[in-house]
Amino acid sequence: MDNVTIVAVVSIITSGAVITLGTMLPAFGEMKALIKALESITQQPDASNVLSRNLFVGLAMIESLAIYCLVISIILILTNPFWNFVTKAGGG
């Protein structure tokens, strides 16, 4: 295999790993946050407005991690910064 093929294979594998872990781990975090919020609302129904507002803000912050991973994955697939480096260096 030449260097360009190696860069392509590594980029695709890395992109797949980033998007897989980047969606699974925030989903587990959101699940834990939702479970705790629902437990808190059942114990303190009067505070449900405050808990819901804080929950939604927290979920938005957690979800931003998944969006960042999607952006990194798209960059690795579509506009890989290593392509120009390898092709200019005569990588194959």
Protein backbone atom coordinates (compact mmCIF):
# COMPACT_ATOMS: atom_id res chain seq x y z
CA MET A 1 0.00 0.00 0.00
CA ASP A 2 1.18 3.48 -0.75
CA ASN A 3 1.04 6.37 1.70
CA VAL A 4 -2.12 7.92 0.25
CA THR A 5 -4.01 4.65 0.72
CA ILE A 6 -2.76 4.35 4.29
CA VAL A 7 -3.90 7.90 5.07
CA ALA A 8 -7.31 7.16 3.52
CA VAL A 9 -7.79 3.95 5.49
CA VAL A 10 -6.67 5.49 8.78
CA SER A 11 -8.92 8.52 8.19
CA ILE A 12 -11.98 6.37 7.52
CA ILE A 13 -11.35 4.13 10.54
CA THR A 14 -10.69 7.13 12.79
CA SER A 15 -13.80 8.89 11.52
CA GLY A 16 -15.90 5.81 12.23
CA ALA A 17 -14.48 5.50 15.74
CA VAL A 18 -15.02 9.20 16.46
CA ILE A 19 -18.64 9.18 15.35
CA THR A 20 -19.36 5.88 17.14
CA LEU A 21 -17.90 6.91 20.48
CA GLY A 22 -19.04 10.49 20.00
CA THR A 23 -22.67 9.46 19.81
CA MET A 24 -22.69 6.58 22.27
CA LEU A 25 -21.01 8.26 25.21
CA PRO A 26 -23.11 11.47 25.19
CA ALA A 27 -26.22 9.30 24.81
CA PHE A 28 -25.29 7.44 28.00
CA GLY A 29 -24.66 10.77 29.73
CA GLU A 30 -28.03 12.07 28.61
CA MET A 31 -29.67 8.87 29.83
CA LYS A 32 -28.12 9.24 33.29
CA ALA A 33 -29.11 12.91 33.46
CA LEU A 34 -32.68 12.12 32.47
CA ILE A 35 -32.94 9.31 35.02
CA LYS A 36 -31.70 11.56 37.82
CA ALA A 37 -33.97 14.41 36.76
CA LEU A 38 -37.03 12.17 36.71
CA GLU A 39 -36.11 10.76 40.12
CA SER A 40 -35.75 14.29 41.46
CA ILE A 41 -39.06 15.39 39.95
CA THR A 42 -40.85 12.45 41.55
CA GLN A 43 -39.38 13.38 44.94
CA GLN A 44 -39.89 17.14 44.58
CA PRO A 45 -42.83 17.82 42.22
CA ASP A 46 -42.90 21.49 43.17
CA ALA A 47 -39.40 22.02 41.77
CA SER A 48 -40.20 20.43 38.40
CA ASN A 49 -39.99 23.73 36.49
CA VAL A 50 -36.50 24.49 37.75
CA LEU A 51 -35.35 20.91 37.28
CA SER A 52 -36.72 20.73 33.75
CA ARG A 53 -35.06 23.99 32.75
CA ASN A 54 -31.71 22.90 34.16
CA LEU A 55 -32.11 19.47 32.57
CA PHE A 56 -32.66 20.93 29.11
CA VAL A 57 -29.64 23.22 29.43
CA GLY A 58 -27.51 20.29 30.58
CA LEU A 59 -28.77 18.06 27.77
CA ALA A 60 -27.93 20.76 25.23
CA MET A 61 -24.38 20.92 26.60
CA ILE A 62 -24.01 17.15 26.45
CA GLU A 63 -25.42 17.02 22.93
CA SER A 64 -22.88 19.59 21.77
CA LEU A 65 -20.19 16.96 22.32
CA ALA A 66 -21.87 14.69 19.80
CA ILE A 67 -22.13 17.57 17.33
CA TYR A 68 -18.40 18.32 17.72
CA CYS A 69 -17.62 14.66 17.02
CA LEU A 70 -19.79 14.80 13.90
CA VAL A 71 -17.92 17.87 12.69
CA ILE A 72 -14.55 16.20 13.30
CA SER A 73 -15.74 13.11 11.46
CA ILE A 74 -16.90 15.16 8.48
CA ILE A 75 -13.59 17.02 8.39
CA LEU A 76 -11.67 13.75 8.39
CA ILE A 77 -13.73 12.33 5.55
CA LEU A 78 -14.33 15.34 3.28
CA THR A 79 -11.54 17.85 3.91
CA ASN A 80 -8.77 15.77 5.39
CA PRO A 81 -5.85 18.03 6.35
CA PHE A 82 -3.40 15.16 5.83
CA TRP A 83 -4.18 14.70 2.11
CA ASN A 84 -2.28 17.80 1.02
CA PHE A 85 0.64 16.98 3.27
CA VAL A 86 1.00 13.46 1.89
CA THR A 87 0.53 14.39 -1.74
CA LYS A 88 2.97 17.35 -1.56
CA ALA A 89 5.56 15.17 0.15
CA GLY A 90 5.37 12.74 -2.76
CA GLY A 91 3.58 10.09 -0.79
CA GLY A 92 2.62 7.94 -3.63
